[in-house]
Protein backbone atom coordinates (compact mmCIF):
# COMPACT_ATOMS: atom_id res chain seq x y z
CA MET A 1 0.00 0.04 0.04
CA LEU A 2 2.99 2.41 0.98
CA MET A 3 4.59 1.72 -2.33
CA ARG A 4 1.66 2.02 -4.35
CA ALA A 5 1.04 5.55 -2.67
CA ALA A 6 4.73 6.53 -3.18
CA ARG A 7 4.45 5.58 -6.71
CA ARG A 8 1.34 7.51 -7.21
CA SER A 9 2.84 10.55 -5.62
CA TRP A 10 5.98 10.25 -7.60
CA ARG A 11 3.94 10.15 -10.96
CA ALA A 12 2.09 13.26 -9.99
CA ALA A 13 5.16 15.04 -8.98
CA ALA A 14 6.70 14.05 -12.25
CA ARG A 15 3.34 15.47 -14.21
CA ARG A 16 3.60 18.65 -12.20
CA VAL A 17 7.43 19.00 -13.40
CA ALA A 18 6.31 18.37 -17.09
CA ARG A 19 3.44 20.68 -16.84
CA ARG A 20 5.90 23.56 -15.64
CA ALA A 21 8.65 22.71 -17.80
CA ASP A 22 10.45 25.77 -19.19
CA PRO A 23 13.42 26.00 -21.58
CA ALA A 24 15.04 28.22 -19.27
CA TRP A 25 15.95 25.50 -16.99
CA PHE A 26 18.69 24.72 -19.15
CA ALA A 27 20.61 27.79 -17.54
CA MET A 28 21.52 25.12 -14.93
CA VAL A 29 23.13 23.07 -17.58
CA MET A 30 25.13 26.24 -18.83
CA ALA A 31 26.25 27.06 -15.74
CA THR A 32 27.69 23.72 -14.81
CA GLY A 33 29.14 22.94 -18.06
CA ILE A 34 30.88 26.30 -18.40
CA VAL A 35 32.54 25.88 -14.68
CA SER A 36 33.59 22.61 -15.65
CA ALA A 37 35.29 24.00 -18.89
CA ALA A 38 36.93 26.71 -16.54
CA LEU A 39 38.17 24.01 -14.01
CA ARG A 40 39.83 22.18 -16.91
CA ALA A 41 41.49 25.02 -18.33
CA ASP A 42 42.84 25.95 -14.86
CA GLY A 43 44.47 22.42 -14.72
CA LEU A 44 41.77 20.64 -12.58
CA PRO A 45 40.74 17.80 -14.73
CA GLY A 46 39.34 15.56 -11.90
CA PRO A 47 36.71 18.16 -10.68
CA ALA A 48 35.89 19.15 -14.28
CA ALA A 49 35.08 15.75 -15.25
CA VAL A 50 32.66 15.31 -12.33
CA LEU A 51 30.99 18.74 -13.29
CA LEU A 52 30.83 17.63 -16.79
CA ALA A 53 29.15 14.51 -15.85
CA ALA A 54 26.64 16.33 -13.76
CA ALA A 55 25.98 18.64 -16.64
CA ALA A 56 25.42 15.75 -19.11
CA ALA A 57 22.84 14.12 -16.65
CA ALA A 58 21.06 17.20 -16.10
CA PHE A 59 20.85 18.12 -19.91
CA ALA A 60 19.48 14.51 -20.41
CA PHE A 61 16.94 14.69 -17.75
CA LEU A 62 15.71 18.18 -18.98
CA ALA A 63 15.61 17.26 -22.46
CA ALA A 64 13.14 14.29 -21.75
CA VAL A 65 11.29 16.51 -19.47
CA MET A 66 10.83 19.23 -22.27
CA CYS A 67 9.85 16.67 -24.69
CA TRP A 68 7.41 15.40 -22.50
CA SER A 69 6.02 18.63 -21.75
CA ALA A 70 5.85 19.52 -25.47
CA ALA A 71 3.90 16.49 -26.17
CA ALA A 72 1.60 16.59 -23.29
CA PHE A 73 1.28 20.16 -22.51
CA PRO A 74 2.00 22.05 -25.92
CA ALA A 75 0.05 25.17 -24.71
CA ARG A 76 2.50 25.50 -22.04
CA LEU A 77 5.54 25.94 -24.63
CA ARG A 78 3.53 28.17 -26.74
CA ALA A 79 2.90 30.61 -23.92
CA VAL A 80 6.43 30.82 -23.09
CA LEU A 81 7.59 31.31 -26.88
CA GLY A 82 4.69 33.85 -27.26
CA ARG A 83 5.92 36.41 -24.71
CA PRO A 84 8.79 38.84 -25.57
CA ASP A 85 9.78 38.85 -21.89
CA ARG A 86 10.44 35.18 -21.85
CA ALA A 87 10.80 33.84 -25.06
CA PHE A 88 14.46 34.65 -25.30
CA THR A 89 15.11 32.33 -22.33
CA SER A 90 14.69 29.31 -24.63
CA PHE A 91 18.06 30.18 -26.13
CA ALA A 92 19.59 28.96 -22.86
CA ALA A 93 18.81 25.21 -24.62
CA VAL A 94 20.93 26.42 -27.43
CA ALA A 95 23.91 27.44 -25.39
CA ALA A 96 23.55 24.14 -23.12
CA SER A 97 23.87 22.16 -26.01
CA SER A 98 27.25 23.86 -27.24
CA VAL A 99 28.57 24.38 -23.85
CA LEU A 100 28.20 20.63 -23.17
CA GLY A 101 29.62 19.66 -26.50
CA ASN A 102 32.55 21.99 -26.02
CA GLY A 103 33.27 20.28 -22.56
CA LEU A 104 32.50 16.81 -24.36
CA ALA A 105 34.94 17.51 -27.11
CA ALA A 106 37.59 18.32 -24.71
CA ALA A 107 37.25 15.54 -22.87
CA GLY A 108 37.83 13.31 -25.87
CA HIS A 109 34.12 12.48 -26.94
CA PRO A 110 34.05 14.13 -30.39
CA LEU A 111 31.09 12.11 -31.54
CA PRO A 112 28.24 13.23 -28.92
CA ALA A 113 29.85 16.64 -29.06
CA GLY A 114 29.01 16.56 -32.83
CA VAL A 115 25.54 15.40 -32.22
CA LEU A 116 25.04 18.41 -29.80
CA ALA A 117 26.64 20.88 -32.03
CA GLY A 118 23.91 19.81 -34.68
CA LEU A 119 21.17 20.12 -32.22
CA ALA A 120 22.21 23.63 -31.15
CA VAL A 121 22.17 24.86 -34.92
CA LEU A 122 18.78 23.27 -35.34
CA LEU A 123 17.38 24.98 -32.18
CA TRP A 124 18.91 28.20 -32.89
CA VAL A 125 17.45 28.39 -36.43
CA ALA A 126 13.81 27.39 -35.25
CA LEU A 127 14.10 29.72 -32.37
CA THR A 128 15.38 32.48 -34.23
CA CYS A 129 12.61 32.43 -36.64
CA ARG A 130 10.22 32.27 -33.95
CA ILE A 131 11.74 35.59 -32.26
CA LEU A 132 11.70 37.44 -35.56
CA VAL A 133 8.06 36.73 -35.96
CA LEU A 134 7.45 37.47 -32.33
CA LEU A 135 9.53 40.94 -32.51
CA ALA A 136 7.66 41.88 -35.67
CA THR A 137 4.30 41.46 -34.07
CA TRP A 138 5.50 43.02 -30.99
CA ARG A 139 6.55 46.29 -33.01
CA ARG A 140 3.30 46.18 -34.88
CA ASP A 141 1.15 46.13 -31.80
CA ARG A 142 3.41 48.72 -30.26
CA ARG A 143 3.97 46.76 -27.23
CA PRO A 144 5.41 48.41 -24.01
CA ALA A 145 9.19 48.72 -23.65
CA GLY A 146 9.11 47.11 -20.34
CA VAL A 147 9.03 43.68 -21.88
CA VAL A 148 12.66 44.15 -22.90
CA ASN A 149 14.95 42.65 -20.00
CA GLY A 150 18.44 41.17 -19.84
CA THR A 151 17.24 37.83 -20.76
CA TRP A 152 17.22 39.24 -24.36
CA TYR A 153 20.96 38.83 -24.24
CA LEU A 154 20.53 34.95 -24.27
CA TRP A 155 20.06 35.40 -28.02
CA VAL A 156 23.53 36.87 -28.39
CA VAL A 157 24.75 33.88 -26.04
CA GLY A 158 23.10 31.43 -28.31
CA THR A 159 24.51 32.80 -31.36
CA GLN A 160 28.11 32.97 -30.16
CA SER A 161 27.66 29.25 -28.90
CA LEU A 162 27.44 28.27 -32.57
CA ALA A 163 30.86 29.79 -33.13
CA ILE A 164 32.22 27.73 -30.24
CA ALA A 165 30.33 24.50 -31.83
CA ALA A 166 31.88 25.16 -35.19
CA ALA A 167 35.30 25.55 -33.45
CA PHE A 168 35.21 22.26 -31.40
CA SER A 169 33.72 20.18 -34.54
CA ARG A 170 36.57 21.11 -36.53
CA ALA A 171 39.12 20.31 -33.87
CA GLY A 172 37.38 16.81 -33.55
CA GLY A 173 37.42 16.39 -37.27
CA LEU A 174 33.72 16.41 -37.82
CA LEU A 175 33.65 19.43 -39.93
CA PRO A 176 36.32 20.37 -42.58
CA ALA A 177 38.25 23.56 -42.23
CA ARG A 178 36.81 25.02 -45.31
CA LEU A 179 33.30 24.74 -43.87
CA ALA A 180 34.14 25.71 -39.99
CA ALA A 181 36.17 28.75 -40.45
CA PRO A 182 33.51 30.74 -42.43
CA ALA A 183 30.68 29.25 -40.09
CA ALA A 184 32.59 30.05 -36.91
CA VAL A 185 33.23 33.53 -38.27
CA ALA A 186 29.79 34.20 -39.32
CA ALA A 187 28.41 33.04 -36.21
CA TRP A 188 30.60 35.28 -34.22
CA SER A 189 29.99 38.35 -36.11
CA ALA A 190 26.28 37.76 -36.18
CA GLY A 191 26.53 37.30 -32.31
CA ALA A 192 28.56 40.77 -32.00
CA LEU A 193 26.24 42.50 -33.97
CA LEU A 194 23.17 41.25 -32.03
CA TYR A 195 24.94 42.43 -28.81
CA LEU A 196 24.97 46.04 -29.92
CA VAL A 197 21.27 45.71 -31.00
CA VAL A 198 20.12 44.14 -27.73
CA THR A 199 22.03 46.71 -25.73
CA GLY A 200 20.58 49.25 -27.51
CA LEU A 201 17.12 48.02 -26.83
CA VAL A 202 17.80 47.47 -23.22
CA VAL A 203 19.24 51.03 -22.73
CA ALA A 204 16.17 52.22 -24.39
CA ARG A 205 14.07 50.34 -21.94
CA LEU A 206 15.76 51.35 -18.83
CA ARG A 207 15.46 54.97 -20.11
CA LEU A 208 11.78 55.00 -21.10
CA ALA A 209 10.51 52.41 -18.19
CA GLY A 210 13.35 52.24 -15.76
CA LEU A 211 13.77 49.05 -13.56
CA PRO A 212 11.05 48.60 -11.15
CA PRO A 213 11.84 47.62 -7.69
CA ALA A 214 9.95 44.19 -8.34
CA ASP A 215 12.54 43.40 -11.12
CA GLU A 216 15.36 41.18 -9.99
CA ALA A 217 18.99 42.25 -10.95
CA ALA A 218 20.25 38.52 -11.99
CA PRO A 219 18.81 38.53 -15.72
CA TYR A 220 21.19 41.65 -16.32
CA TRP A 221 24.19 39.67 -15.21
CA VAL A 222 23.64 37.99 -18.68
CA ALA A 223 24.83 41.28 -20.46
CA MET A 224 28.18 40.34 -18.80
CA GLY A 225 27.93 36.78 -19.94
CA ALA A 226 27.04 37.62 -23.37
CA ALA A 227 30.12 39.76 -23.63
CA SER A 228 32.43 37.07 -22.26
CA ILE A 229 31.13 34.40 -24.42
CA THR A 230 31.91 36.98 -27.40
CA VAL A 231 35.60 36.90 -26.06
CA PHE A 232 35.67 32.94 -25.48
CA ALA A 233 34.22 32.44 -28.96
CA ALA A 234 36.97 34.63 -30.63
CA ALA A 235 39.80 33.07 -28.84
CA ARG A 236 38.16 29.56 -29.94
CA ILE A 237 37.76 30.68 -33.83
CA LEU A 238 41.17 32.67 -34.12
CA PRO A 239 43.15 29.52 -34.79
CA LEU A 240 40.48 28.95 -37.81
CA ALA A 241 41.06 32.45 -38.99
CA ALA A 242 44.86 32.31 -38.49
CA THR A 243 45.55 32.28 -42.43
CA VAL A 244 43.66 35.83 -42.97
CA ALA A 245 45.72 38.24 -41.05
CA ALA A 246 43.14 41.20 -41.45
CA VAL A 247 40.30 39.00 -39.88
CA ARG A 248 42.69 37.86 -37.04
CA LEU A 249 43.27 41.36 -36.06
CA VAL A 250 39.65 42.53 -36.15
CA ILE A 251 38.55 39.52 -34.20
CA THR A 252 41.55 39.99 -31.63
CA THR A 253 40.88 43.70 -30.95
CA ALA A 254 37.20 43.13 -30.82
CA ALA A 255 37.67 40.43 -28.16
CA LEU A 256 39.90 42.55 -26.20
CA ALA A 257 37.04 45.57 -26.37
CA ALA A 258 34.47 42.80 -25.27
CA TRP A 259 36.95 41.66 -22.28
CA VAL A 260 37.31 45.38 -21.02
CA LEU A 261 33.30 45.96 -21.29
CA ALA A 262 32.61 42.51 -19.24
CA THR A 263 35.09 43.75 -16.67
CA ALA A 264 33.58 47.01 -16.38
CA LEU A 265 29.90 45.53 -16.12
CA ILE A 266 30.85 43.60 -12.84
CA PRO A 267 31.02 46.38 -10.40
CA PRO A 268 27.78 47.87 -11.13
CA LEU A 269 25.97 44.59 -11.83
CA ALA A 270 27.38 43.55 -8.11
CA VAL A 271 26.09 46.79 -6.57
CA LEU A 272 22.54 46.52 -8.34
CA THR A 273 22.31 42.82 -7.02
CA ALA A 274 23.33 43.91 -3.59
CA ALA A 275 20.73 46.73 -3.49
CA ARG A 276 18.09 44.57 -4.62
CA ARG A 277 18.42 41.92 -1.83
CA PRO A 278 15.66 41.51 0.18
CA ARG A 279 16.04 42.83 3.88
CA PRO A 280 16.96 41.65 6.43
CA LEU A 281 19.13 39.24 4.33
CA ARG A 282 18.39 35.58 4.83
CA PRO A 283 20.29 32.59 3.50
CA ARG A 284 17.70 31.25 0.64
CA TYR A 285 17.90 29.54 -2.59
CA SER A 286 17.34 31.73 -5.55
CA PRO A 287 17.01 30.25 -9.09
CA GLY A 288 18.35 33.50 -10.49
CA ALA A 289 21.58 32.51 -9.15
CA TRP A 290 22.30 30.16 -12.26
CA VAL A 291 22.34 33.18 -14.34
CA VAL A 292 24.96 34.95 -12.25
CA VAL A 293 27.24 31.71 -12.16
CA PHE A 294 27.21 31.45 -15.85
CA PRO A 295 28.45 35.02 -16.70
CA LEU A 296 31.12 34.68 -13.78
CA ALA A 297 32.49 31.12 -15.39
CA MET A 298 32.44 32.45 -18.90
CA TYR A 299 34.37 35.57 -17.94
CA ALA A 300 36.71 33.14 -16.28
CA MET A 301 37.01 31.19 -19.72
CA ALA A 302 37.41 34.38 -21.77
CA GLY A 303 40.12 35.35 -19.60
CA LEU A 304 41.89 31.74 -19.50
CA ARG A 305 41.60 31.61 -23.33
CA LEU A 306 42.14 35.20 -24.75
CA GLY A 307 45.23 35.80 -22.31
CA PRO A 308 47.51 33.23 -24.13
CA VAL A 309 46.20 34.35 -27.49
CA ALA A 310 46.63 38.17 -26.92
CA GLY A 311 50.00 37.59 -25.16
CA MET A 312 48.59 39.29 -21.78
CA PRO A 313 49.04 37.15 -18.50
CA ALA A 314 47.16 39.59 -16.32
CA ILE A 315 44.11 38.73 -18.41
CA GLN A 316 44.75 35.07 -17.78
CA ARG A 317 45.24 35.55 -14.10
CA ALA A 318 42.09 37.51 -13.96
CA GLY A 319 40.18 34.79 -15.52
CA ALA A 320 41.74 32.02 -13.03
CA ALA A 321 40.65 34.11 -10.21
CA ALA A 322 36.87 34.55 -11.66
CA GLY A 323 37.15 30.72 -12.25
CA TRP A 324 37.49 30.03 -8.59
CA ALA A 325 34.72 32.65 -7.58
CA ALA A 326 32.36 31.06 -10.10
CA ALA A 327 33.18 27.47 -8.58
CA ALA A 328 32.37 28.97 -5.21
CA VAL A 329 29.14 30.41 -6.31
CA TRP A 330 28.23 27.34 -8.15
CA ALA A 331 28.79 25.24 -4.99
CA LEU A 332 26.54 27.48 -3.05
CA THR A 333 23.78 27.65 -5.60
CA SER A 334 23.95 24.03 -5.81
CA ALA A 335 23.74 23.21 -2.27
CA ALA A 336 21.00 25.87 -1.74
CA ALA A 337 19.00 24.19 -4.76
CA LEU A 338 19.12 20.57 -3.06
CA ILE A 339 18.22 21.83 0.40
CA SER A 340 15.23 23.73 -1.13
CA ALA A 341 14.27 20.69 -2.97
CA ALA A 342 14.94 18.09 -0.32
CA GLY A 343 13.10 19.89 2.53
CA PRO A 344 9.55 19.57 0.97
CA ALA A 345 10.36 15.88 0.03
CA ALA A 346 11.30 14.90 3.65
CA ALA A 347 8.24 16.61 4.70
CA ALA A 348 6.03 14.83 2.41
CA LEU A 349 7.52 11.77 3.42
CA ALA A 350 6.87 12.14 6.97
CA HIS A 351 3.46 13.41 6.08
CA ARG A 352 2.87 10.02 4.33
CA ARG A 353 4.51 7.83 7.29
CA ARG A 354 1.99 9.37 9.76
CA GLY A 355 -0.80 7.94 7.59
CA ARG A 356 -2.46 11.27 6.83
CA GLY A 357 -2.87 10.59 3.18
CA ASP A 358 -1.87 12.47 0.20
CA ARG A 359 -5.02 14.37 -0.35
CA ALA A 360 -4.84 16.87 2.46
CA PRO A 361 -5.68 20.44 1.83
CA GLY A 362 -2.44 22.12 1.20
CA GLY A 363 -0.42 18.98 1.67
CA PRO A 364 1.87 17.00 -0.49
CA GLY A 365 0.46 15.64 -3.41
CA ASP A 366 -2.13 18.13 -4.20
CA GLY A 367 -0.17 20.66 -6.16
CA ALA A 368 -0.97 23.45 -3.76
CA PRO A 369 1.33 26.21 -3.36
CA GLY A 370 4.19 25.51 -1.15
CA GLY A 371 3.94 21.68 -1.37
CA PRO A 372 6.50 19.37 -3.00
CA GLY A 373 5.07 19.80 -6.29
CA ASP A 374 6.59 23.33 -6.49
CA ALA A 375 10.09 22.21 -5.34
CA ALA A 376 11.66 20.74 -8.30
CA PRO A 377 10.50 23.66 -10.54
CA ALA A 378 11.81 26.14 -7.82
CA ALA A 379 15.34 24.38 -7.98
CA MET A 380 15.51 24.98 -11.80
CA THR A 381 13.42 27.86 -13.01
CA LEU A 382 15.33 30.82 -14.27
CA ALA A 383 14.36 33.85 -12.59
CA ALA A 384 14.02 36.18 -15.70
CA GLY A 385 12.67 39.08 -13.65
CA ARG A 386 9.00 38.85 -12.72
CA GLN A 387 8.10 36.01 -15.47
CA ASP A 388 4.71 35.58 -14.40
CA ARG A 389 3.80 39.12 -14.78
C-alpha cells in the first residue's frame, strides 16, 4: 500500500514538473558546463570531469522533461515562446547544447559533441525564426518597452555558442576547415552585431521604463556573460582564421574590447544585485543565481583563453581568479537548490508515514502552493525578472 502510494505521488510530482517545464531551466546546464570548462582550463581535470558528468545528466533529464512537456502540454511551451519578456530564455537550450558539446569534445568524446553541435544549430534556427516573428508582432502592436530585459542577451549567448560549436567540431575532425572557418566567423560576427542591437534595446527600455523595484537584477548579469562568451568564442575561432591576418586582427581587437566591457560591467551589476537583496538578509535559494554563475564562469573562460592568445598574462590571471569565484558560487547555489528541494520532499515522506494520506488540503501531492510539487520547478526555473507578470 505504501509503495503504491509512493509511486502515485512520484508520478503526480513528475507530471507537475512536466506541466511547468520551461526551456530556461537549461541555464543550470549552461552554468555547470562552463564551470567544468573553467576548471579544466585551470588544470583541474578531476573536478572538471565530475561537473561535466553532472551537466550531461542534467541535460538528458531536462531534454526528456521538455519533450514530455511539449507533447503533453503544448500550450505551456507556446505561452513561453509567445511572450517577448520570456521567449529569449529558450536560447538557454542552444547555449547548453554547445557548452556541453565543448566540454565533451575537450574530454575526448567528439561524436556526442558533434550531435550536440547539430542540435544547437537546429534549435537556434527554429528559435530565431520564432523570435523574428514575435518581434515583428511586438513592434506592430506597439508593445510596452518594459518587456525588454536582460534575458534578451541569451540570443547573443546562443548565437556565439554556435561559433564555439563550429570550432570544437573542426577540432574533433567532424567538420572540414573550409566549412568550419566561415561558419564560425559568421556566427561570431552575427553574435557581436546582436550584442549591439540588444544593448541598444535594453538601454532604451531602462531610459523609458526604468527598472521597477520588483524586477530582479540577476537577468542583467547575462549582459556580462554575453560579452564574455564573445571573447571566448573569438579565442576559439582565432586558430581557424589564422590564415587571414586582417580577420585575425579584427577579431582580436574586438575580443579585447569585449573583455574590457565585461570587466567594467561587473562592479555595477554587483552593486545592483546587492541593492536589490531583500532585507533583512536571509540565506535562501534563488533560482536566479544560475544566471550569475554562468557569466562569472564564462568570464573566467574568456580570460583563460584570451590571455595566452593576446599575450597578456594579466588577463589570464584574472580569468583564473574568476574561475574560483564561479566555482564557489556554483557550489553554494547547488547546495541551496538541493536543500530547497529536499526539505519539502522530506516533509512529504514524514506526512505519508504519519498516515494522513496525500490529499490533505495544502499537503503534499495536491499541487497546492508550498507543497513538494513546487520544489523541482523552484530548483530549476530561471528567474527572468517577474516571469509571471
